[in-house]
Amino acid sequence: MDIEHHDLAHEFPELKEQIHVLKTQDAHFRKQFERYDTVTTDIERLEKEDLPVSDPTIEEKKKERLALKDELYKMLTH
């Protein structure tokens, strides 16, 4: 299975520098960034290993990742 990576640098390449700045200067951004990275890693691992996980479990993780991505994007663009 070909797994698409969803780290923020791939999602928002034009904001790469701003991501670095906020990670080093904003504790809340850094915490949410780390949470986003953890959820993304979990999803990619489940998809890659094709583990027996219910669709609702993966969907909930994807919803959480999307909510975090939206929050991080707002922080990056304000």
N, C-alpha and C. Protein backbone atom coordinates (compact mmCIF):
# COMPACT_ATOMS: atom_id res chain seq x y z
N MET A 1 0.84 -1.18 0.00
CA MET A 1 0.00 0.00 0.00
C MET A 1 0.89 1.24 0.00
N ASP A 2 0.58 2.20 -0.85
CA ASP A 2 1.32 3.44 -0.94
C ASP A 2 0.73 4.44 0.06
N ILE A 3 1.54 4.84 1.04
CA ILE A 3 1.07 5.72 2.10
C ILE A 3 1.46 7.16 1.78
N GLU A 4 0.48 8.06 1.81
CA GLU A 4 0.73 9.47 1.59
C GLU A 4 1.11 10.12 2.93
N HIS A 5 2.19 10.88 2.92
CA HIS A 5 2.64 11.53 4.15
C HIS A 5 1.91 12.85 4.35
N HIS A 6 1.54 13.12 5.59
CA HIS A 6 0.74 14.30 5.89
C HIS A 6 1.43 15.22 6.89
N ASP A 7 2.76 15.19 6.97
CA ASP A 7 3.40 16.10 7.90
C ASP A 7 3.18 17.54 7.42
N LEU A 8 3.27 18.50 8.34
CA LEU A 8 2.93 19.88 8.00
C LEU A 8 3.82 20.46 6.91
N ALA A 9 5.07 20.07 6.85
CA ALA A 9 5.95 20.59 5.81
C ALA A 9 5.46 20.18 4.42
N HIS A 10 4.87 18.98 4.30
CA HIS A 10 4.31 18.55 3.02
C HIS A 10 2.94 19.19 2.77
N GLU A 11 2.20 19.39 3.83
CA GLU A 11 0.86 19.98 3.70
C GLU A 11 0.94 21.47 3.35
N PHE A 12 1.89 22.17 3.97
CA PHE A 12 2.02 23.63 3.78
C PHE A 12 3.46 24.00 3.46
N PRO A 13 3.98 23.60 2.31
CA PRO A 13 5.39 23.88 2.00
C PRO A 13 5.70 25.37 1.99
N GLU A 14 4.72 26.19 1.65
CA GLU A 14 4.94 27.64 1.60
C GLU A 14 5.06 28.25 3.00
N LEU A 15 4.70 27.49 4.02
CA LEU A 15 4.75 27.99 5.40
C LEU A 15 5.85 27.31 6.23
N LYS A 16 6.77 26.67 5.56
CA LYS A 16 7.82 25.90 6.23
C LYS A 16 8.62 26.76 7.22
N GLU A 17 8.99 27.95 6.81
CA GLU A 17 9.75 28.83 7.69
C GLU A 17 8.93 29.26 8.89
N GLN A 18 7.66 29.60 8.67
CA GLN A 18 6.77 30.01 9.76
C GLN A 18 6.55 28.84 10.74
N ILE A 19 6.46 27.63 10.23
CA ILE A 19 6.32 26.45 11.09
C ILE A 19 7.53 26.36 12.03
N HIS A 20 8.72 26.53 11.47
CA HIS A 20 9.93 26.47 12.29
C HIS A 20 9.94 27.56 13.36
N VAL A 21 9.58 28.77 12.97
CA VAL A 21 9.57 29.89 13.92
C VAL A 21 8.59 29.61 15.06
N LEU A 22 7.37 29.21 14.73
CA LEU A 22 6.37 28.98 15.78
C LEU A 22 6.74 27.79 16.66
N LYS A 23 7.34 26.76 16.08
CA LYS A 23 7.77 25.61 16.90
C LYS A 23 8.78 26.03 17.94
N THR A 24 9.62 27.00 17.62
CA THR A 24 10.65 27.42 18.56
C THR A 24 10.19 28.53 19.50
N GLN A 25 9.13 29.24 19.15
CA GLN A 25 8.75 30.42 19.94
C GLN A 25 7.38 30.34 20.60
N ASP A 26 6.55 29.37 20.25
CA ASP A 26 5.18 29.31 20.78
C ASP A 26 4.92 27.92 21.35
N ALA A 27 4.82 27.85 22.68
CA ALA A 27 4.66 26.56 23.36
C ALA A 27 3.36 25.86 22.96
N HIS A 28 2.27 26.62 22.80
CA HIS A 28 1.00 26.00 22.42
C HIS A 28 1.09 25.43 21.00
N PHE A 29 1.67 26.20 20.09
CA PHE A 29 1.85 25.70 18.72
C PHE A 29 2.68 24.42 18.75
N ARG A 30 3.78 24.44 19.48
CA ARG A 30 4.67 23.27 19.55
C ARG A 30 3.92 22.05 20.09
N LYS A 31 3.11 22.24 21.12
CA LYS A 31 2.33 21.13 21.70
C LYS A 31 1.36 20.56 20.66
N GLN A 32 0.63 21.43 19.98
CA GLN A 32 -0.33 20.99 18.97
C GLN A 32 0.38 20.37 17.77
N PHE A 33 1.53 20.93 17.40
CA PHE A 33 2.32 20.37 16.31
C PHE A 33 2.75 18.94 16.66
N GLU A 34 3.23 18.74 17.88
CA GLU A 34 3.65 17.41 18.32
C GLU A 34 2.48 16.44 18.34
N ARG A 35 1.32 16.91 18.77
CA ARG A 35 0.11 16.07 18.78
C ARG A 35 -0.27 15.69 17.34
N TYR A 36 -0.24 16.67 16.45
CA TYR A 36 -0.54 16.41 15.03
C TYR A 36 0.42 15.36 14.48
N ASP A 37 1.70 15.51 14.78
CA ASP A 37 2.71 14.57 14.30
C ASP A 37 2.46 13.16 14.84
N THR A 38 2.09 13.07 16.11
CA THR A 38 1.82 11.77 16.73
C THR A 38 0.61 11.09 16.08
N VAL A 39 -0.46 11.84 15.90
CA VAL A 39 -1.67 11.29 15.28
C VAL A 39 -1.38 10.86 13.84
N THR A 40 -0.63 11.68 13.11
CA THR A 40 -0.28 11.35 11.73
C THR A 40 0.55 10.07 11.68
N THR A 41 1.51 9.94 12.57
CA THR A 41 2.34 8.74 12.63
C THR A 41 1.49 7.51 12.94
N ASP A 42 0.55 7.66 13.87
CA ASP A 42 -0.35 6.54 14.21
C ASP A 42 -1.16 6.10 12.99
N ILE A 43 -1.72 7.06 12.28
CA ILE A 43 -2.55 6.75 11.10
C ILE A 43 -1.70 6.07 10.04
N GLU A 44 -0.52 6.62 9.77
CA GLU A 44 0.34 6.04 8.74
C GLU A 44 0.78 4.62 9.12
N ARG A 45 1.04 4.40 10.39
CA ARG A 45 1.44 3.06 10.85
C ARG A 45 0.29 2.08 10.66
N LEU A 46 -0.91 2.49 11.04
CA LEU A 46 -2.08 1.62 10.88
C LEU A 46 -2.31 1.29 9.41
N GLU A 47 -2.18 2.28 8.55
CA GLU A 47 -2.39 2.06 7.12
C GLU A 47 -1.28 1.21 6.52
N LYS A 48 -0.06 1.46 6.91
CA LYS A 48 1.09 0.73 6.35
C LYS A 48 1.07 -0.73 6.77
N GLU A 49 0.83 -0.97 8.03
CA GLU A 49 0.85 -2.33 8.54
C GLU A 49 -0.46 -3.06 8.31
N ASP A 50 -1.45 -2.32 7.82
CA ASP A 50 -2.77 -2.89 7.55
C ASP A 50 -3.27 -3.66 8.76
N LEU A 51 -3.15 -3.01 9.93
CA LEU A 51 -3.57 -3.64 11.18
C LEU A 51 -5.08 -3.76 11.24
N PRO A 52 -5.57 -4.77 11.92
CA PRO A 52 -7.02 -4.95 12.04
C PRO A 52 -7.63 -3.90 12.98
N VAL A 53 -8.00 -2.79 12.41
CA VAL A 53 -8.59 -1.69 13.17
C VAL A 53 -9.90 -1.33 12.49
N SER A 54 -10.88 -1.02 13.30
CA SER A 54 -12.18 -0.69 12.71
C SER A 54 -12.11 0.63 11.95
N ASP A 55 -12.94 0.76 10.92
CA ASP A 55 -12.99 1.99 10.15
C ASP A 55 -13.30 3.21 11.03
N PRO A 56 -14.23 3.09 11.99
CA PRO A 56 -14.49 4.25 12.85
C PRO A 56 -13.26 4.70 13.64
N THR A 57 -12.40 3.79 14.02
CA THR A 57 -11.19 4.15 14.76
C THR A 57 -10.27 5.00 13.88
N ILE A 58 -10.04 4.55 12.67
CA ILE A 58 -9.19 5.32 11.76
C ILE A 58 -9.85 6.65 11.41
N GLU A 59 -11.14 6.63 11.19
CA GLU A 59 -11.86 7.86 10.85
C GLU A 59 -11.77 8.88 11.98
N GLU A 60 -11.88 8.44 13.22
CA GLU A 60 -11.77 9.36 14.36
C GLU A 60 -10.37 9.97 14.42
N LYS A 61 -9.35 9.16 14.16
CA LYS A 61 -7.98 9.68 14.14
C LYS A 61 -7.81 10.69 13.00
N LYS A 62 -8.40 10.41 11.86
CA LYS A 62 -8.30 11.34 10.73
C LYS A 62 -9.04 12.64 11.03
N LYS A 63 -10.16 12.56 11.71
CA LYS A 63 -10.90 13.77 12.10
C LYS A 63 -10.08 14.59 13.09
N GLU A 64 -9.43 13.90 14.03
CA GLU A 64 -8.58 14.60 15.00
C GLU A 64 -7.42 15.29 14.27
N ARG A 65 -6.81 14.58 13.33
CA ARG A 65 -5.70 15.17 12.56
C ARG A 65 -6.18 16.40 11.79
N LEU A 66 -7.34 16.32 11.18
CA LEU A 66 -7.88 17.45 10.42
C LEU A 66 -8.15 18.65 11.32
N ALA A 67 -8.71 18.41 12.49
CA ALA A 67 -8.98 19.50 13.43
C ALA A 67 -7.66 20.15 13.88
N LEU A 68 -6.67 19.34 14.15
CA LEU A 68 -5.36 19.88 14.54
C LEU A 68 -4.74 20.66 13.38
N LYS A 69 -4.85 20.13 12.17
CA LYS A 69 -4.29 20.82 11.00
C LYS A 69 -4.97 22.18 10.81
N ASP A 70 -6.29 22.22 10.97
CA ASP A 70 -7.01 23.49 10.86
C ASP A 70 -6.54 24.49 11.90
N GLU A 71 -6.39 24.02 13.14
CA GLU A 71 -5.93 24.91 14.22
C GLU A 71 -4.52 25.42 13.93
N LEU A 72 -3.64 24.52 13.52
CA LEU A 72 -2.26 24.91 13.23
C LEU A 72 -2.20 25.88 12.06
N TYR A 73 -3.01 25.65 11.04
CA TYR A 73 -3.03 26.55 9.88
C TYR A 73 -3.46 27.96 10.30
N LYS A 74 -4.48 28.03 11.14
CA LYS A 74 -4.94 29.35 11.61
C LYS A 74 -3.83 30.06 12.37
N MET A 75 -3.10 29.31 13.18
CA MET A 75 -2.00 29.91 13.94
C MET A 75 -0.88 30.37 12.99
N LEU A 76 -0.65 29.62 11.95
CA LEU A 76 0.41 29.95 10.99
C LEU A 76 0.06 31.17 10.14
N THR A 77 -1.21 31.39 9.90
CA THR A 77 -1.61 32.47 8.98
C THR A 77 -2.11 33.73 9.68
N HIS A 78 -2.07 33.76 10.99
CA HIS A 78 -2.49 34.97 11.71
C HIS A 78 -1.33 35.69 12.31
